[in-house]
């Protein structure tokens, strides 16, 4: 569904943000993540979004022009549906989990 161009871009991005992001960040909320791993998550998310949005390289087109066109399409897609960054989703989940540990019953004391 994510790569199906017959489905609207808004629906594909909405499905990506509502299904893939929570599934990915569910287990990561428990573990402390290093900054490099969080950047890696954001990099993976951008790669997946570029794949969903779709882009093709024109014949004999300079790489700089191709990447400028892809960047423009990414910015246009944010106007259609804004996906949250995975790194911030993981940090929010960790914050909620910490609050649960602090406010929850004292099972480990």
N, C-alpha and C. Protein backbone atom coordinates (compact mmCIF):
# COMPACT_ATOMS: atom_id res chain seq x y z
N UNK A 1 0.82 -1.19 0.00
CA UNK A 1 0.00 0.00 0.00
C UNK A 1 0.86 1.25 0.00
N UNK A 2 1.97 1.21 0.73
CA UNK A 2 2.81 2.40 0.84
C UNK A 2 3.40 2.84 -0.49
N UNK A 3 3.67 1.89 -1.36
CA UNK A 3 4.28 2.23 -2.64
C UNK A 3 3.28 2.29 -3.79
N UNK A 4 2.00 2.03 -3.52
CA UNK A 4 0.97 2.03 -4.54
C UNK A 4 0.62 3.47 -4.91
N UNK A 5 0.94 3.84 -6.13
CA UNK A 5 0.70 5.23 -6.57
C UNK A 5 -0.77 5.50 -6.88
N UNK A 6 -1.61 4.45 -6.89
CA UNK A 6 -3.04 4.65 -7.10
C UNK A 6 -3.72 5.12 -5.82
N UNK A 7 -3.05 4.96 -4.68
CA UNK A 7 -3.56 5.46 -3.40
C UNK A 7 -3.01 6.87 -3.23
N UNK A 8 -3.82 7.79 -2.72
CA UNK A 8 -3.38 9.18 -2.60
C UNK A 8 -2.17 9.29 -1.68
N UNK A 9 -1.33 10.27 -1.96
CA UNK A 9 -0.13 10.48 -1.17
C UNK A 9 -0.48 10.76 0.29
N UNK A 10 -1.53 11.52 0.51
CA UNK A 10 -1.96 11.82 1.88
C UNK A 10 -2.29 10.54 2.64
N UNK A 11 -3.01 9.63 2.04
CA UNK A 11 -3.37 8.36 2.69
C UNK A 11 -2.13 7.50 2.95
N UNK A 12 -1.22 7.46 2.00
CA UNK A 12 0.00 6.67 2.20
C UNK A 12 0.84 7.22 3.34
N UNK A 13 0.99 8.55 3.41
CA UNK A 13 1.77 9.16 4.49
C UNK A 13 1.05 9.01 5.83
N UNK A 14 -0.27 9.11 5.82
CA UNK A 14 -1.03 8.94 7.05
C UNK A 14 -0.90 7.51 7.56
N UNK A 15 -1.00 6.53 6.67
CA UNK A 15 -0.83 5.13 7.06
C UNK A 15 0.57 4.89 7.61
N UNK A 16 1.57 5.45 6.96
CA UNK A 16 2.95 5.32 7.41
C UNK A 16 3.11 5.88 8.82
N UNK A 17 2.56 7.07 9.06
CA UNK A 17 2.73 7.72 10.35
C UNK A 17 1.91 7.04 11.45
N UNK A 18 0.75 6.52 11.13
CA UNK A 18 -0.09 5.94 12.17
C UNK A 18 0.18 4.46 12.43
N UNK A 19 0.79 3.75 11.50
CA UNK A 19 1.03 2.32 11.69
C UNK A 19 2.51 1.97 11.87
N UNK A 20 3.35 2.49 11.05
CA UNK A 20 4.77 2.13 11.09
C UNK A 20 5.46 2.78 12.28
N UNK A 21 5.23 4.07 12.51
CA UNK A 21 5.91 4.79 13.59
C UNK A 21 5.63 4.19 14.97
N UNK A 22 4.37 3.94 15.36
CA UNK A 22 4.15 3.35 16.69
C UNK A 22 4.75 1.95 16.82
N UNK A 23 4.68 1.16 15.75
CA UNK A 23 5.24 -0.19 15.80
C UNK A 23 6.75 -0.14 16.00
N UNK A 24 7.41 0.81 15.36
CA UNK A 24 8.85 0.92 15.49
C UNK A 24 9.26 1.45 16.85
N UNK A 25 8.54 2.41 17.36
CA UNK A 25 8.95 3.06 18.62
C UNK A 25 8.45 2.33 19.85
N UNK A 26 7.62 1.31 19.71
CA UNK A 26 7.05 0.61 20.87
C UNK A 26 8.15 0.02 21.76
N UNK A 27 9.02 -0.78 21.20
CA UNK A 27 10.08 -1.40 21.99
C UNK A 27 11.21 -0.44 22.30
N UNK A 28 11.43 0.53 21.47
CA UNK A 28 12.53 1.45 21.68
C UNK A 28 12.30 2.38 22.86
N UNK A 29 11.07 2.53 23.30
CA UNK A 29 10.76 3.43 24.42
C UNK A 29 11.37 2.93 25.72
N UNK A 30 11.58 1.63 25.83
CA UNK A 30 12.09 1.06 27.08
C UNK A 30 13.60 1.26 27.20
N UNK A 31 14.29 1.24 26.09
CA UNK A 31 15.74 1.32 26.10
C UNK A 31 16.22 2.74 25.89
N UNK A 32 17.32 3.07 26.54
CA UNK A 32 17.95 4.37 26.30
C UNK A 32 18.66 4.31 24.96
N UNK A 33 18.44 5.32 24.15
CA UNK A 33 19.05 5.36 22.82
C UNK A 33 20.12 6.41 22.78
N UNK A 34 21.16 6.10 22.08
CA UNK A 34 22.22 7.07 21.86
C UNK A 34 21.81 8.03 20.76
N UNK A 35 22.42 9.20 20.77
CA UNK A 35 22.10 10.23 19.77
C UNK A 35 22.35 9.71 18.35
N UNK A 36 23.42 8.96 18.15
CA UNK A 36 23.72 8.44 16.82
C UNK A 36 22.63 7.49 16.35
N UNK A 37 22.10 6.69 17.25
CA UNK A 37 21.02 5.77 16.87
C UNK A 37 19.74 6.53 16.54
N UNK A 38 19.50 7.62 17.27
CA UNK A 38 18.32 8.43 16.97
C UNK A 38 18.46 9.09 15.60
N UNK A 39 19.65 9.55 15.29
CA UNK A 39 19.87 10.13 13.95
C UNK A 39 19.70 9.07 12.88
N UNK A 40 20.14 7.85 13.19
CA UNK A 40 19.97 6.74 12.25
C UNK A 40 18.49 6.44 12.01
N UNK A 41 17.68 6.55 13.06
CA UNK A 41 16.24 6.35 12.90
C UNK A 41 15.64 7.40 11.98
N UNK A 42 16.03 8.65 12.18
CA UNK A 42 15.52 9.72 11.32
C UNK A 42 15.98 9.52 9.88
N UNK A 43 17.20 9.05 9.70
CA UNK A 43 17.71 8.79 8.35
C UNK A 43 16.88 7.69 7.69
N UNK A 44 16.61 6.62 8.44
CA UNK A 44 15.79 5.53 7.91
C UNK A 44 14.39 6.03 7.55
N UNK A 45 13.82 6.87 8.40
CA UNK A 45 12.49 7.41 8.13
C UNK A 45 12.49 8.23 6.84
N UNK A 46 13.50 9.08 6.67
CA UNK A 46 13.57 9.90 5.44
C UNK A 46 13.71 9.01 4.21
N UNK A 47 14.51 7.94 4.30
CA UNK A 47 14.66 7.03 3.16
C UNK A 47 13.33 6.38 2.81
N UNK A 48 12.58 5.96 3.83
CA UNK A 48 11.29 5.33 3.59
C UNK A 48 10.31 6.34 3.00
N UNK A 49 10.32 7.56 3.50
CA UNK A 49 9.42 8.58 2.96
C UNK A 49 9.75 8.91 1.51
N UNK A 50 11.04 8.99 1.19
CA UNK A 50 11.43 9.24 -0.21
C UNK A 50 10.92 8.12 -1.09
N UNK A 51 10.98 6.90 -0.59
CA UNK A 51 10.50 5.76 -1.37
C UNK A 51 8.99 5.84 -1.56
N UNK A 52 8.27 6.25 -0.51
CA UNK A 52 6.80 6.37 -0.60
C UNK A 52 6.41 7.48 -1.57
N UNK A 53 7.09 8.61 -1.47
CA UNK A 53 6.78 9.75 -2.33
C UNK A 53 7.11 9.44 -3.78
N UNK A 54 8.17 8.69 -3.97
CA UNK A 54 8.55 8.26 -5.30
C UNK A 54 9.41 9.28 -6.03
N UNK A 55 10.45 8.83 -6.63
CA UNK A 55 11.28 9.70 -7.44
C UNK A 55 12.03 8.84 -8.43
N UNK A 56 12.27 9.42 -9.58
CA UNK A 56 13.03 8.74 -10.63
C UNK A 56 14.10 9.69 -11.13
N UNK A 57 15.16 9.11 -11.53
CA UNK A 57 16.25 9.89 -12.08
C UNK A 57 16.04 10.04 -13.58
N UNK A 58 16.12 11.27 -14.05
CA UNK A 58 15.99 11.54 -15.48
C UNK A 58 17.30 11.14 -16.17
N UNK A 59 17.21 10.78 -17.43
CA UNK A 59 18.40 10.40 -18.19
C UNK A 59 19.34 11.60 -18.33
N UNK A 60 20.60 11.39 -18.08
CA UNK A 60 21.65 12.41 -18.20
C UNK A 60 21.41 13.63 -17.33
N UNK A 61 20.67 13.46 -16.25
CA UNK A 61 20.43 14.57 -15.34
C UNK A 61 21.52 14.60 -14.28
N UNK A 62 22.08 15.77 -13.97
CA UNK A 62 23.07 15.84 -12.91
C UNK A 62 22.46 15.43 -11.56
N UNK A 63 23.27 14.80 -10.73
CA UNK A 63 22.81 14.31 -9.44
C UNK A 63 22.26 15.44 -8.57
N UNK A 64 22.88 16.60 -8.65
CA UNK A 64 22.43 17.75 -7.87
C UNK A 64 21.00 18.13 -8.22
N UNK A 65 20.67 18.11 -9.53
CA UNK A 65 19.31 18.44 -9.96
C UNK A 65 18.31 17.40 -9.48
N UNK A 66 18.71 16.13 -9.52
CA UNK A 66 17.83 15.06 -9.04
C UNK A 66 17.52 15.25 -7.57
N UNK A 67 18.54 15.50 -6.76
CA UNK A 67 18.34 15.66 -5.32
C UNK A 67 17.55 16.92 -5.00
N UNK A 68 17.73 17.97 -5.78
CA UNK A 68 16.93 19.18 -5.58
C UNK A 68 15.46 18.91 -5.85
N UNK A 69 15.18 18.13 -6.89
CA UNK A 69 13.80 17.77 -7.20
C UNK A 69 13.20 16.90 -6.10
N UNK A 70 13.98 15.94 -5.57
CA UNK A 70 13.50 15.08 -4.49
C UNK A 70 13.23 15.90 -3.24
N UNK A 71 14.13 16.83 -2.93
CA UNK A 71 13.94 17.68 -1.76
C UNK A 71 12.66 18.51 -1.91
N UNK A 72 12.43 19.01 -3.09
CA UNK A 72 11.21 19.79 -3.35
C UNK A 72 9.96 18.93 -3.18
N UNK A 73 10.01 17.70 -3.65
CA UNK A 73 8.87 16.79 -3.48
C UNK A 73 8.65 16.46 -2.01
N UNK A 74 9.72 16.30 -1.24
CA UNK A 74 9.61 16.02 0.20
C UNK A 74 8.94 17.21 0.90
N UNK A 75 9.36 18.43 0.55
CA UNK A 75 8.76 19.62 1.16
C UNK A 75 7.28 19.75 0.78
N UNK A 76 6.95 19.42 -0.46
CA UNK A 76 5.56 19.46 -0.89
C UNK A 76 4.73 18.43 -0.15
N UNK A 77 5.30 17.27 0.13
CA UNK A 77 4.57 16.21 0.83
C UNK A 77 4.29 16.60 2.28
N UNK A 78 5.15 17.42 2.88
CA UNK A 78 4.90 17.89 4.24
C UNK A 78 3.66 18.77 4.28
N UNK A 79 3.35 19.44 3.19
CA UNK A 79 2.13 20.22 3.11
C UNK A 79 0.90 19.34 3.01
N UNK A 80 1.07 18.14 2.47
CA UNK A 80 -0.03 17.19 2.34
C UNK A 80 -0.30 16.51 3.68
N UNK A 81 0.74 16.01 4.33
CA UNK A 81 0.62 15.35 5.64
C UNK A 81 1.97 15.42 6.33
N UNK A 82 1.99 15.93 7.53
CA UNK A 82 3.23 16.11 8.29
C UNK A 82 3.45 14.90 9.19
N UNK A 83 4.49 14.13 8.93
CA UNK A 83 4.86 12.98 9.76
C UNK A 83 5.80 13.45 10.86
N UNK A 84 5.62 12.91 12.06
CA UNK A 84 6.52 13.23 13.17
C UNK A 84 7.84 12.50 13.00
N UNK A 85 8.92 13.12 13.48
CA UNK A 85 10.22 12.47 13.44
C UNK A 85 10.23 11.29 14.40
N UNK A 86 10.87 10.20 13.98
CA UNK A 86 10.92 9.02 14.83
C UNK A 86 11.75 9.26 16.09
N UNK A 87 12.80 10.07 15.98
CA UNK A 87 13.63 10.31 17.17
C UNK A 87 12.82 11.03 18.25
N UNK A 88 12.01 11.99 17.86
CA UNK A 88 11.20 12.68 18.86
C UNK A 88 10.10 11.77 19.39
N UNK A 89 9.58 10.87 18.56
CA UNK A 89 8.57 9.91 19.02
C UNK A 89 9.17 8.96 20.05
N UNK A 90 10.42 8.52 19.82
CA UNK A 90 11.08 7.64 20.78
C UNK A 90 11.33 8.37 22.09
N UNK A 91 11.80 9.61 22.01
CA UNK A 91 12.06 10.37 23.24
C UNK A 91 10.77 10.63 24.01
N UNK A 92 9.67 10.93 23.33
CA UNK A 92 8.39 11.11 24.01
C UNK A 92 7.93 9.82 24.67
N UNK A 93 8.14 8.70 23.98
CA UNK A 93 7.76 7.40 24.56
C UNK A 93 8.60 7.10 25.79
N UNK A 94 9.89 7.41 25.74
CA UNK A 94 10.75 7.20 26.90
C UNK A 94 10.30 8.08 28.06
N UNK A 95 9.91 9.28 27.78
CA UNK A 95 9.45 10.21 28.82
C UNK A 95 8.17 9.67 29.47
N UNK A 96 7.24 9.19 28.63
CA UNK A 96 6.00 8.61 29.17
C UNK A 96 6.29 7.36 29.99
N UNK A 97 7.22 6.53 29.52
CA UNK A 97 7.58 5.32 30.25
C UNK A 97 8.21 5.66 31.60
N UNK A 98 9.05 6.68 31.63
CA UNK A 98 9.65 7.13 32.88
C UNK A 98 8.58 7.62 33.84
N UNK A 99 7.62 8.36 33.34
CA UNK A 99 6.50 8.81 34.17
C UNK A 99 5.71 7.64 34.71
N UNK A 100 5.54 6.60 33.89
CA UNK A 100 4.83 5.40 34.34
C UNK A 100 5.60 4.72 35.47
N UNK A 101 6.92 4.66 35.34
CA UNK A 101 7.73 4.03 36.38
C UNK A 101 7.69 4.82 37.68
N UNK A 102 7.69 6.14 37.56
CA UNK A 102 7.69 6.98 38.76
C UNK A 102 6.32 6.97 39.44
N UNK A 103 5.27 7.07 38.66
CA UNK A 103 3.92 7.17 39.23
C UNK A 103 3.27 5.82 39.51
N UNK A 104 3.79 4.76 38.87
CA UNK A 104 3.16 3.45 38.99
C UNK A 104 3.42 2.81 40.34
N UNK A 105 2.88 1.62 40.53
CA UNK A 105 3.10 0.91 41.80
C UNK A 105 4.56 0.53 41.98
N UNK A 106 4.99 0.50 43.21
CA UNK A 106 6.40 0.19 43.52
C UNK A 106 6.61 -1.31 43.49
N UNK A 107 6.77 -1.87 42.29
CA UNK A 107 6.96 -3.31 42.14
C UNK A 107 8.39 -3.74 42.44
N UNK A 108 9.32 -2.84 42.25
CA UNK A 108 10.73 -3.22 42.34
C UNK A 108 11.38 -2.73 43.63
N UNK A 109 10.69 -2.07 44.50
CA UNK A 109 11.32 -1.51 45.69
C UNK A 109 11.27 -2.50 46.81
